[in-house]
Amino acid sequence: MRQSVSLPANVAAHVRGLAKRRRVSSNRILVELIENGIEAQNRKEKEFFDLAGRFRNTADPDEARRLGDELGHMVFGG
């Protein structure tokens, strides 16, 4: 599928540099970066839902507090 994307100049330069070093097209680098980003997002979502499930199912108040803190960090950063 053909898709047009505008990139900030610094990002485009970084993509061209990666492509040159790896001796592949900028297009190939963009596809790999997007695929890696999608995989990373899917992993983060899975980790979040796994952690949320553990939080919901724990009976230990200390564990619940720790898991709640971890969830907070995942959602709000920090």
N, C-alpha and C. Protein backbone atom coordinates (compact mmCIF):
# COMPACT_ATOMS: atom_id res chain seq x y z
N MET A 1 0.83 -1.17 0.00
CA MET A 1 0.00 0.00 0.00
C MET A 1 0.88 1.24 0.00
N ARG A 2 0.53 2.17 -0.77
CA ARG A 2 1.29 3.41 -0.84
C ARG A 2 0.73 4.39 0.18
N GLN A 3 1.63 5.02 0.95
CA GLN A 3 1.21 5.96 1.99
C GLN A 3 2.19 7.12 2.01
N SER A 4 1.69 8.32 2.01
CA SER A 4 2.55 9.50 2.07
C SER A 4 2.62 9.99 3.51
N VAL A 5 3.84 10.25 3.98
CA VAL A 5 4.05 10.71 5.35
C VAL A 5 5.04 11.86 5.33
N SER A 6 4.73 12.92 6.05
CA SER A 6 5.66 14.04 6.20
C SER A 6 6.45 13.83 7.49
N LEU A 7 7.76 13.95 7.38
CA LEU A 7 8.63 13.78 8.55
C LEU A 7 9.34 15.09 8.86
N PRO A 8 9.55 15.36 10.14
CA PRO A 8 10.38 16.51 10.48
C PRO A 8 11.78 16.31 9.90
N ALA A 9 12.45 17.39 9.57
CA ALA A 9 13.75 17.32 8.91
C ALA A 9 14.75 16.46 9.68
N ASN A 10 14.79 16.61 11.00
CA ASN A 10 15.77 15.85 11.78
C ASN A 10 15.47 14.35 11.74
N VAL A 11 14.19 13.98 11.74
CA VAL A 11 13.81 12.57 11.66
C VAL A 11 14.16 12.01 10.28
N ALA A 12 13.86 12.78 9.24
CA ALA A 12 14.18 12.34 7.88
C ALA A 12 15.69 12.13 7.71
N ALA A 13 16.48 13.03 8.26
CA ALA A 13 17.94 12.90 8.18
C ALA A 13 18.40 11.66 8.93
N HIS A 14 17.81 11.39 10.06
CA HIS A 14 18.18 10.19 10.83
C HIS A 14 17.82 8.93 10.04
N VAL A 15 16.66 8.92 9.42
CA VAL A 15 16.24 7.76 8.62
C VAL A 15 17.20 7.56 7.45
N ARG A 16 17.56 8.65 6.77
CA ARG A 16 18.51 8.53 5.64
C ARG A 16 19.85 7.99 6.12
N GLY A 17 20.30 8.46 7.29
CA GLY A 17 21.57 7.98 7.85
C GLY A 17 21.52 6.49 8.17
N LEU A 18 20.42 6.04 8.78
CA LEU A 18 20.26 4.61 9.06
C LEU A 18 20.27 3.80 7.78
N ALA A 19 19.54 4.29 6.79
CA ALA A 19 19.45 3.58 5.52
C ALA A 19 20.82 3.47 4.86
N LYS A 20 21.57 4.54 4.88
CA LYS A 20 22.89 4.54 4.27
C LYS A 20 23.82 3.56 4.97
N ARG A 21 23.81 3.59 6.32
CA ARG A 21 24.67 2.67 7.07
C ARG A 21 24.31 1.21 6.83
N ARG A 22 23.02 0.93 6.71
CA ARG A 22 22.57 -0.45 6.52
C ARG A 22 22.49 -0.85 5.05
N ARG A 23 22.72 0.12 4.18
CA ARG A 23 22.67 -0.11 2.73
C ARG A 23 21.31 -0.66 2.28
N VAL A 24 20.27 -0.01 2.77
CA VAL A 24 18.91 -0.31 2.35
C VAL A 24 18.23 1.02 2.05
N SER A 25 17.03 0.96 1.52
CA SER A 25 16.31 2.19 1.20
C SER A 25 15.73 2.83 2.46
N SER A 26 15.50 4.12 2.37
CA SER A 26 14.83 4.83 3.47
C SER A 26 13.45 4.23 3.71
N ASN A 27 12.81 3.82 2.64
CA ASN A 27 11.49 3.21 2.75
C ASN A 27 11.56 1.94 3.60
N ARG A 28 12.58 1.12 3.38
CA ARG A 28 12.75 -0.12 4.14
C ARG A 28 12.95 0.19 5.63
N ILE A 29 13.77 1.21 5.91
CA ILE A 29 14.01 1.61 7.30
C ILE A 29 12.70 2.06 7.94
N LEU A 30 11.91 2.86 7.23
CA LEU A 30 10.64 3.33 7.78
C LEU A 30 9.70 2.16 8.08
N VAL A 31 9.65 1.19 7.18
CA VAL A 31 8.80 0.02 7.41
C VAL A 31 9.26 -0.72 8.66
N GLU A 32 10.57 -0.94 8.80
CA GLU A 32 11.09 -1.64 9.98
C GLU A 32 10.82 -0.87 11.26
N LEU A 33 11.01 0.45 11.22
CA LEU A 33 10.75 1.25 12.41
C LEU A 33 9.27 1.20 12.81
N ILE A 34 8.40 1.27 11.84
CA ILE A 34 6.96 1.21 12.12
C ILE A 34 6.59 -0.17 12.66
N GLU A 35 7.10 -1.23 12.05
CA GLU A 35 6.82 -2.59 12.54
C GLU A 35 7.32 -2.76 13.97
N ASN A 36 8.54 -2.28 14.24
CA ASN A 36 9.09 -2.37 15.60
C ASN A 36 8.26 -1.57 16.58
N GLY A 37 7.79 -0.40 16.17
CA GLY A 37 6.96 0.42 17.03
C GLY A 37 5.63 -0.25 17.35
N ILE A 38 5.03 -0.88 16.36
CA ILE A 38 3.77 -1.60 16.57
C ILE A 38 3.98 -2.76 17.54
N GLU A 39 5.06 -3.51 17.34
CA GLU A 39 5.37 -4.63 18.24
C GLU A 39 5.60 -4.13 19.67
N ALA A 40 6.32 -3.03 19.81
CA ALA A 40 6.59 -2.47 21.14
C ALA A 40 5.29 -2.02 21.80
N GLN A 41 4.42 -1.39 21.04
CA GLN A 41 3.13 -0.95 21.59
C GLN A 41 2.30 -2.15 22.03
N ASN A 42 2.28 -3.20 21.23
CA ASN A 42 1.54 -4.41 21.59
C ASN A 42 2.09 -5.03 22.87
N ARG A 43 3.43 -5.05 23.02
CA ARG A 43 4.04 -5.58 24.24
C ARG A 43 3.65 -4.74 25.45
N LYS A 44 3.68 -3.41 25.30
CA LYS A 44 3.32 -2.53 26.41
C LYS A 44 1.87 -2.76 26.82
N GLU A 45 0.98 -2.91 25.85
CA GLU A 45 -0.42 -3.15 26.17
C GLU A 45 -0.59 -4.48 26.91
N LYS A 46 0.11 -5.51 26.44
CA LYS A 46 0.02 -6.82 27.08
C LYS A 46 0.55 -6.74 28.51
N GLU A 47 1.69 -6.08 28.70
CA GLU A 47 2.26 -5.91 30.05
C GLU A 47 1.28 -5.17 30.95
N PHE A 48 0.63 -4.13 30.41
CA PHE A 48 -0.33 -3.37 31.20
C PHE A 48 -1.49 -4.25 31.65
N PHE A 49 -2.09 -4.99 30.70
CA PHE A 49 -3.24 -5.81 31.05
C PHE A 49 -2.86 -6.97 31.97
N ASP A 50 -1.67 -7.52 31.79
CA ASP A 50 -1.19 -8.56 32.72
C ASP A 50 -1.05 -7.99 34.13
N LEU A 51 -0.45 -6.80 34.23
CA LEU A 51 -0.26 -6.15 35.52
C LEU A 51 -1.61 -5.78 36.14
N ALA A 52 -2.52 -5.27 35.33
CA ALA A 52 -3.85 -4.92 35.83
C ALA A 52 -4.57 -6.17 36.36
N GLY A 53 -4.42 -7.28 35.67
CA GLY A 53 -5.02 -8.53 36.13
C GLY A 53 -4.44 -8.99 37.45
N ARG A 54 -3.13 -8.89 37.59
CA ARG A 54 -2.49 -9.25 38.86
C ARG A 54 -2.97 -8.32 39.97
N PHE A 55 -3.10 -7.02 39.67
CA PHE A 55 -3.58 -6.05 40.64
C PHE A 55 -5.00 -6.39 41.10
N ARG A 56 -5.86 -6.70 40.15
CA ARG A 56 -7.26 -7.04 40.47
C ARG A 56 -7.36 -8.31 41.31
N ASN A 57 -6.48 -9.25 41.07
CA ASN A 57 -6.61 -10.57 41.69
C ASN A 57 -5.82 -10.76 42.98
N THR A 58 -5.04 -9.78 43.38
CA THR A 58 -4.25 -9.97 44.60
C THR A 58 -5.09 -9.68 45.84
N ALA A 59 -4.84 -10.46 46.87
CA ALA A 59 -5.52 -10.24 48.16
C ALA A 59 -4.58 -9.57 49.15
N ASP A 60 -3.30 -9.52 48.82
CA ASP A 60 -2.28 -8.95 49.70
C ASP A 60 -2.25 -7.42 49.53
N PRO A 61 -2.54 -6.66 50.59
CA PRO A 61 -2.57 -5.19 50.48
C PRO A 61 -1.22 -4.58 50.07
N ASP A 62 -0.13 -5.16 50.56
CA ASP A 62 1.19 -4.64 50.18
C ASP A 62 1.45 -4.87 48.70
N GLU A 63 1.09 -6.05 48.23
CA GLU A 63 1.25 -6.37 46.80
C GLU A 63 0.35 -5.46 45.97
N ALA A 64 -0.87 -5.22 46.42
CA ALA A 64 -1.80 -4.36 45.70
C ALA A 64 -1.24 -2.94 45.60
N ARG A 65 -0.65 -2.44 46.68
CA ARG A 65 -0.06 -1.10 46.66
C ARG A 65 1.11 -1.04 45.68
N ARG A 66 1.96 -2.06 45.71
CA ARG A 66 3.11 -2.10 44.79
C ARG A 66 2.64 -2.17 43.35
N LEU A 67 1.68 -3.05 43.08
CA LEU A 67 1.17 -3.19 41.71
C LEU A 67 0.45 -1.92 41.27
N GLY A 68 -0.27 -1.28 42.19
CA GLY A 68 -0.93 -0.02 41.87
C GLY A 68 0.08 1.06 41.51
N ASP A 69 1.19 1.09 42.24
CA ASP A 69 2.25 2.05 41.91
C ASP A 69 2.82 1.77 40.53
N GLU A 70 3.04 0.49 40.22
CA GLU A 70 3.55 0.14 38.89
C GLU A 70 2.58 0.56 37.80
N LEU A 71 1.30 0.32 38.03
CA LEU A 71 0.28 0.75 37.05
C LEU A 71 0.31 2.26 36.87
N GLY A 72 0.43 2.97 37.97
CA GLY A 72 0.51 4.42 37.90
C GLY A 72 1.68 4.90 37.07
N HIS A 73 2.82 4.26 37.25
CA HIS A 73 4.02 4.61 36.48
C HIS A 73 3.81 4.32 34.99
N MET A 74 3.13 3.21 34.70
CA MET A 74 2.88 2.87 33.29
C MET A 74 1.94 3.87 32.63
N VAL A 75 0.94 4.32 33.39
CA VAL A 75 -0.06 5.21 32.82
C VAL A 75 0.42 6.66 32.79
N PHE A 76 1.00 7.10 33.90
CA PHE A 76 1.32 8.53 34.02
C PHE A 76 2.82 8.83 33.92
N GLY A 77 3.65 7.79 33.82
CA GLY A 77 5.09 8.00 33.74
C GLY A 77 5.67 8.30 35.11
N GLY A 78 6.95 8.60 35.09
CA GLY A 78 7.56 8.98 36.37
C GLY A 78 8.38 7.91 36.85
